[in-house]
C-alpha atoms as a PDB file:
ATOM      1  CA  MET A   1     146.949 -17.741  23.170  1.00  0.00           C
ATOM      2  CA  ALA A   2     147.941 -17.593  26.825  1.00  0.00           C
ATOM      3  CA  LYS A   3     150.083 -20.741  26.433  1.00  0.00           C
ATOM      4  CA  LEU A   4     151.875 -19.178  23.475  1.00  0.00           C
ATOM      5  CA  LEU A   5     152.596 -16.011  25.460  1.00  0.00           C
ATOM      6  CA  VAL A   6     153.952 -18.060  28.387  1.00  0.00           C
ATOM      7  CA  ARG A   7     156.186 -20.040  26.018  1.00  0.00           C
ATOM      8  CA  LEU A   8     157.471 -16.860  24.370  1.00  0.00           C
ATOM      9  CA  LEU A   9     158.365 -15.381  27.754  1.00  0.00           C
ATOM     10  CA  LEU A  10     159.772 -18.630  29.114  1.00  0.00           C
ATOM     11  CA  LEU A  11     162.144 -19.263  26.206  1.00  0.00           C
ATOM     12  CA  PRO A  12     164.317 -16.141  26.750  1.00  0.00           C
ATOM     13  CA  ALA A  13     164.420 -16.825  30.496  1.00  0.00           C
ATOM     14  CA  LEU A  14     165.635 -20.390  29.883  1.00  0.00           C
ATOM     15  CA  LEU A  15     168.255 -19.201  27.405  1.00  0.00           C
ATOM     16  CA  LEU A  16     169.518 -16.633  29.905  1.00  0.00           C
ATOM     17  CA  LEU A  17     169.663 -19.258  32.632  1.00  0.00           C
ATOM     18  CA  ALA A  18     171.602 -21.629  30.370  1.00  0.00           C
ATOM     19  CA  ALA A  19     174.100 -18.867  29.541  1.00  0.00           C
ATOM     20  CA  CYS A  20     174.657 -18.168  33.237  1.00  0.00           C
ATOM     21  CA  ALA A  21     175.150 -21.850  34.023  1.00  0.00           C
ATOM     22  CA  GLY A  22     178.467 -22.036  32.136  1.00  0.00           C
ATOM     23  CA  SER A  23     181.565 -22.647  34.180  1.00  0.00           C
ATOM     24  CA  PRO A  24     183.535 -19.557  35.195  1.00  0.00           C
ATOM     25  CA  ASN A  25     186.992 -18.931  33.770  1.00  0.00           C
ATOM     26  CA  TYR A  26     189.923 -18.843  36.149  1.00  0.00           C
ATOM     27  CA  PHE A  27     193.460 -17.616  35.664  1.00  0.00           C
ATOM     28  CA  THR A  28     196.269 -17.734  38.186  1.00  0.00           C
ATOM     29  CA  PRO A  29     199.629 -16.342  37.079  1.00  0.00           C
ATOM     30  CA  VAL A  30     202.601 -18.660  37.243  1.00  0.00           C
ATOM     31  CA  PRO A  31     205.406 -17.213  39.374  1.00  0.00           C
ATOM     32  CA  PRO A  32     208.944 -16.875  37.981  1.00  0.00           C
ATOM     33  CA  THR A  33     211.067 -20.023  38.037  1.00  0.00           C
ATOM     34  CA  SER A  34     213.398 -18.535  40.658  1.00  0.00           C
ATOM     35  CA  ALA A  35     213.596 -15.530  42.971  1.00  0.00           C
ATOM     36  CA  GLU A  36     216.187 -13.910  40.662  1.00  0.00           C
ATOM     37  CA  ARG A  37     213.914 -14.010  37.610  1.00  0.00           C
ATOM     38  CA  GLY A  38     210.696 -12.293  36.545  1.00  0.00           C
ATOM     39  CA  MET A  39     207.645 -13.349  34.549  1.00  0.00           C
ATOM     40  CA  LEU A  40     206.176 -11.434  31.612  1.00  0.00           C
ATOM     41  CA  TYR A  41     202.659 -12.171  30.372  1.00  0.00           C
ATOM     42  CA  LEU A  42     201.644 -11.072  26.882  1.00  0.00           C
ATOM     43  CA  TYR A  43     197.979 -11.263  25.932  1.00  0.00           C
ATOM     44  CA  ARG A  44     195.577 -10.208  23.197  1.00  0.00           C
ATOM     45  CA  PRO A  45     191.946 -10.003  24.314  1.00  0.00           C
ATOM     46  CA  PRO A  46     188.967  -9.301  22.039  1.00  0.00           C
ATOM     47  CA  ALA A  47     188.368  -5.683  21.019  1.00  0.00           C
ATOM     48  CA  ASP A  48     185.762  -3.565  22.767  1.00  0.00           C
ATOM     49  CA  ASN A  49     183.997  -2.695  19.519  1.00  0.00           C
ATOM     50  CA  PRO A  50     180.763  -4.445  18.551  1.00  0.00           C
ATOM     51  CA  GLY A  51     180.624  -6.942  15.697  1.00  0.00           C
ATOM     52  CA  LEU A  52     183.603  -8.354  13.858  1.00  0.00           C
ATOM     53  CA  GLN A  53     186.935  -8.381  15.655  1.00  0.00           C
ATOM     54  CA  PRO A  54     189.770  -6.426  13.983  1.00  0.00           C
ATOM     55  CA  LEU A  55     192.663  -8.481  12.621  1.00  0.00           C
ATOM     56  CA  ARG A  56     191.156 -11.635  14.098  1.00  0.00           C
ATOM     57  CA  ARG A  57     193.101 -13.965  11.799  1.00  0.00           C
ATOM     58  CA  ALA A  58     196.312 -11.903  11.845  1.00  0.00           C
ATOM     59  CA  TYR A  59     199.033 -12.607  14.374  1.00  0.00           C
ATOM     60  CA  PRO A  60     202.449 -11.098  15.080  1.00  0.00           C
ATOM     61  CA  VAL A  61     205.629 -12.713  16.276  1.00  0.00           C
ATOM     62  CA  ILE A  62     206.825 -11.455  19.659  1.00  0.00           C
ATOM     63  CA  LEU A  63     210.558 -10.839  20.003  1.00  0.00           C
ATOM     64  CA  VAL A  64     212.172 -10.469  23.421  1.00  0.00           C
ATOM     65  CA  ASP A  65     215.716  -9.114  23.240  1.00  0.00           C
ATOM     66  CA  GLY A  66     215.792 -10.037  19.543  1.00  0.00           C
ATOM     67  CA  ARG A  67     214.748 -13.664  20.143  1.00  0.00           C
ATOM     68  CA  SER A  68     211.374 -15.007  19.014  1.00  0.00           C
ATOM     69  CA  VAL A  69     209.187 -16.262  21.858  1.00  0.00           C
ATOM     70  CA  GLY A  70     206.306 -17.187  19.528  1.00  0.00           C
ATOM     71  CA  VAL A  71     203.176 -15.753  17.945  1.00  0.00           C
ATOM     72  CA  LEU A  72     200.394 -13.948  19.779  1.00  0.00           C
ATOM     73  CA  GLU A  73     197.083 -14.913  18.254  1.00  0.00           C
ATOM     74  CA  PHE A  74     193.681 -13.346  18.824  1.00  0.00           C
ATOM     75  CA  ASN A  75     192.165 -14.106  22.237  1.00  0.00           C
ATOM     76  CA  GLN A  76     195.272 -15.859  23.568  1.00  0.00           C
ATOM     77  CA  TYR A  77     198.024 -15.302  26.116  1.00  0.00           C
ATOM     78  CA  PHE A  78     201.418 -16.717  27.003  1.00  0.00           C
ATOM     79  CA  ASN A  79     204.140 -16.094  29.550  1.00  0.00           C
ATOM     80  CA  VAL A  80     207.908 -15.681  29.256  1.00  0.00           C
ATOM     81  CA  ASP A  81     210.261 -16.347  32.157  1.00  0.00           C
ATOM     82  CA  LEU A  82     213.004 -13.681  32.022  1.00  0.00           C
ATOM     83  CA  ALA A  83     216.118 -12.699  33.907  1.00  0.00           C
ATOM     84  CA  ALA A  84     215.544  -9.617  36.040  1.00  0.00           C
ATOM     85  CA  GLY A  85     216.505  -6.412  34.247  1.00  0.00           C
ATOM     86  CA  ARG A  86     215.586  -4.399  31.170  1.00  0.00           C
ATOM     87  CA  HIS A  87     214.231  -6.171  28.096  1.00  0.00           C
ATOM     88  CA  SER A  88     213.318  -5.063  24.586  1.00  0.00           C
ATOM     89  CA  ILE A  89     209.916  -6.278  23.339  1.00  0.00           C
ATOM     90  CA  VAL A  90     209.007  -6.107  19.626  1.00  0.00           C
ATOM     91  CA  VAL A  91     205.660  -7.002  18.051  1.00  0.00           C
ATOM     92  CA  THR A  92     206.486  -7.721  14.417  1.00  0.00           C
ATOM     93  CA  GLY A  93     205.257  -9.202  11.167  1.00  0.00           C
ATOM     94  CA  LEU A  94     208.703  -9.237   9.595  1.00  0.00           C
ATOM     95  CA  VAL A  95     209.751 -12.745  10.676  1.00  0.00           C
ATOM     96  CA  ALA A  96     208.192 -16.156  10.079  1.00  0.00           C
ATOM     97  CA  PRO A  97     205.628 -17.428  10.939  1.00  0.00           C
ATOM     98  CA  ALA A  98     203.925 -14.041  11.437  1.00  0.00           C
ATOM     99  CA  ASN A  99     200.735 -13.126   9.589  1.00  0.00           C
ATOM    100  CA  TRP A 100     200.806  -9.420  10.483  1.00  0.00           C
ATOM    101  CA  GLU A 101     201.063  -6.417   8.165  1.00  0.00           C
ATOM    102  CA  VAL A 102     201.050  -3.733  10.852  1.00  0.00           C
ATOM    103  CA  ALA A 103     204.170  -1.663  11.588  1.00  0.00           C
ATOM    104  CA  ASP A 104     206.422  -2.964  14.353  1.00  0.00           C
ATOM    105  CA  ILE A 105     205.683  -1.933  17.917  1.00  0.00           C
ATOM    106  CA  ARG A 106     208.710  -1.624  20.213  1.00  0.00           C
ATOM    107  CA  GLN A 107     208.727  -1.263  23.957  1.00  0.00           C
ATOM    108  CA  ASP A 108     211.277  -1.664  26.742  1.00  0.00           C
ATOM    109  CA  VAL A 109     210.229  -3.378  29.955  1.00  0.00           C
ATOM    110  CA  SER A 110     212.102  -3.524  33.265  1.00  0.00           C
ATOM    111  CA  ILE A 111     211.411  -6.557  35.415  1.00  0.00           C
ATOM    112  CA  ALA A 112     212.529  -6.826  39.025  1.00  0.00           C
ATOM    113  CA  PRO A 113     213.461 -10.159  40.648  1.00  0.00           C
ATOM    114  CA  GLY A 114     210.283 -12.106  41.483  1.00  0.00           C
ATOM    115  CA  GLU A 115     208.065  -9.599  39.627  1.00  0.00           C
ATOM    116  CA  ILE A 116     205.180 -10.484  37.288  1.00  0.00           C
ATOM    117  CA  LYS A 117     204.379  -7.963  34.542  1.00  0.00           C
ATOM    118  CA  TYR A 118     201.615  -7.868  31.942  1.00  0.00           C
ATOM    119  CA  LEU A 119     201.590  -6.432  28.412  1.00  0.00           C
ATOM    120  CA  LYS A 120     198.310  -6.232  26.504  1.00  0.00           C
ATOM    121  CA  LEU A 121     198.286  -6.164  22.707  1.00  0.00           C
ATOM    122  CA  ASP A 122     195.232  -3.962  22.253  1.00  0.00           C
ATOM    123  CA  VAL A 123     193.808  -4.121  18.715  1.00  0.00           C
ATOM    124  CA  GLN A 124     190.767  -1.930  18.048  1.00  0.00           C
ATOM    125  CA  TYR A 125     189.009  -0.499  15.013  1.00  0.00           C
ATOM    126  CA  GLN A 126     189.653   3.221  14.706  1.00  0.00           C
ATOM    127  CA  LEU A 127     185.954   3.972  14.336  1.00  0.00           C
ATOM    128  CA  ASP A 128     186.349   7.771  14.470  1.00  0.00           C
ATOM    129  CA  ASP A 129     188.348   7.758  11.216  1.00  0.00           C
ATOM    130  CA  MET A 130     186.376   5.107   9.319  1.00  0.00           C
ATOM    131  CA  THR A 131     183.929   6.205   6.642  1.00  0.00           C
ATOM    132  CA  ILE A 132     181.632   4.404   4.242  1.00  0.00           C
ATOM    133  CA  GLY A 133     183.392   3.738   0.954  1.00  0.00           C
ATOM    134  CA  GLN A 134     186.961   3.888   2.268  1.00  0.00           C
ATOM    135  CA  SER A 135     189.388   1.336   0.877  1.00  0.00           C
ATOM    136  CA  GLY A 136     189.778  -0.621   4.124  1.00  0.00           C
ATOM    137  CA  PRO A 137     189.470  -0.474   7.888  1.00  0.00           C
ATOM    138  CA  LYS A 138     191.762   1.545  10.124  1.00  0.00           C
ATOM    139  CA  TYR A 139     193.130   0.247  13.409  1.00  0.00           C
ATOM    140  CA  ARG A 140     194.435   1.455  16.774  1.00  0.00           C
ATOM    141  CA  ILE A 141     197.092  -0.947  18.005  1.00  0.00           C
ATOM    142  CA  PHE A 142     198.978  -0.538  21.269  1.00  0.00           C
ATOM    143  CA  LEU A 143     201.220  -2.649  23.467  1.00  0.00           C
ATOM    144  CA  THR A 144     200.063  -1.491  26.874  1.00  0.00           C
ATOM    145  CA  PRO A 145     201.494  -2.290  30.332  1.00  0.00           C
ATOM    146  CA  MET A 146     198.601  -3.370  32.553  1.00  0.00           C
ATOM    147  CA  ASP A 147     198.123  -3.542  36.306  1.00  0.00           C
ATOM    148  CA  SER A 148     197.754  -7.019  37.781  1.00  0.00           C
ATOM    149  CA  PRO A 149     194.027  -6.978  38.724  1.00  0.00           C
ATOM    150  CA  THR A 150     192.945  -5.710  35.289  1.00  0.00           C
ATOM    151  CA  ALA A 151     195.263  -8.074  33.401  1.00  0.00           C
ATOM    152  CA  VAL A 152     194.220 -11.134  35.417  1.00  0.00           C
ATOM    153  CA  ASP A 153     190.557 -10.315  34.789  1.00  0.00           C
ATOM    154  CA  GLU A 154     191.130  -9.891  31.036  1.00  0.00           C
ATOM    155  CA  ILE A 155     193.425 -12.912  30.655  1.00  0.00           C
ATOM    156  CA  ARG A 156     190.904 -15.235  32.303  1.00  0.00           C
ATOM    157  CA  HIS A 157     188.616 -14.652  29.304  1.00  0.00           C
ATOM    158  CA  THR A 158     191.340 -15.657  26.832  1.00  0.00           C
ATOM    159  CA  ALA A 159     192.974 -19.016  26.116  1.00  0.00           C
ATOM    160  CA  PRO A 160     196.540 -20.080  26.812  1.00  0.00           C
ATOM    161  CA  ARG A 161     198.672 -20.462  23.712  1.00  0.00           C
ATOM    162  CA  PRO A 162     198.746 -24.141  22.784  1.00  0.00           C
END
């Protein structure tokens, strides 16, 4: 009986140790290609809610100044090297190859020469408005400018877009 109790207590400790032994994730932002340009990072980390992730298999196309710079999938990030100045960002499902049925999100971003900016596509369940028996889930979706320390910490837990 004592051996069984030791084994039962030892197993969770070993599992915890194995989880901690994984390699840490690192992320270092790439600077703009020249001093006259800026760098914009777009990323989509996991939601804060427990359980299933909202819109996990859905992905929008990101338009910068009307030009597609690619899709932003769940738990991924990518960067866009831009000329300094004001830029229009649109998160949309209205162009191929998007798989996104959410209304467009539009935001203007000003980037100074040499500056690195971060935009987080924050997709959460709207738990306050969800009830049992409703026809489908509700979401809160924002394109949020983030400060560098927070963005770097969140991006390091995501994967670069292939």
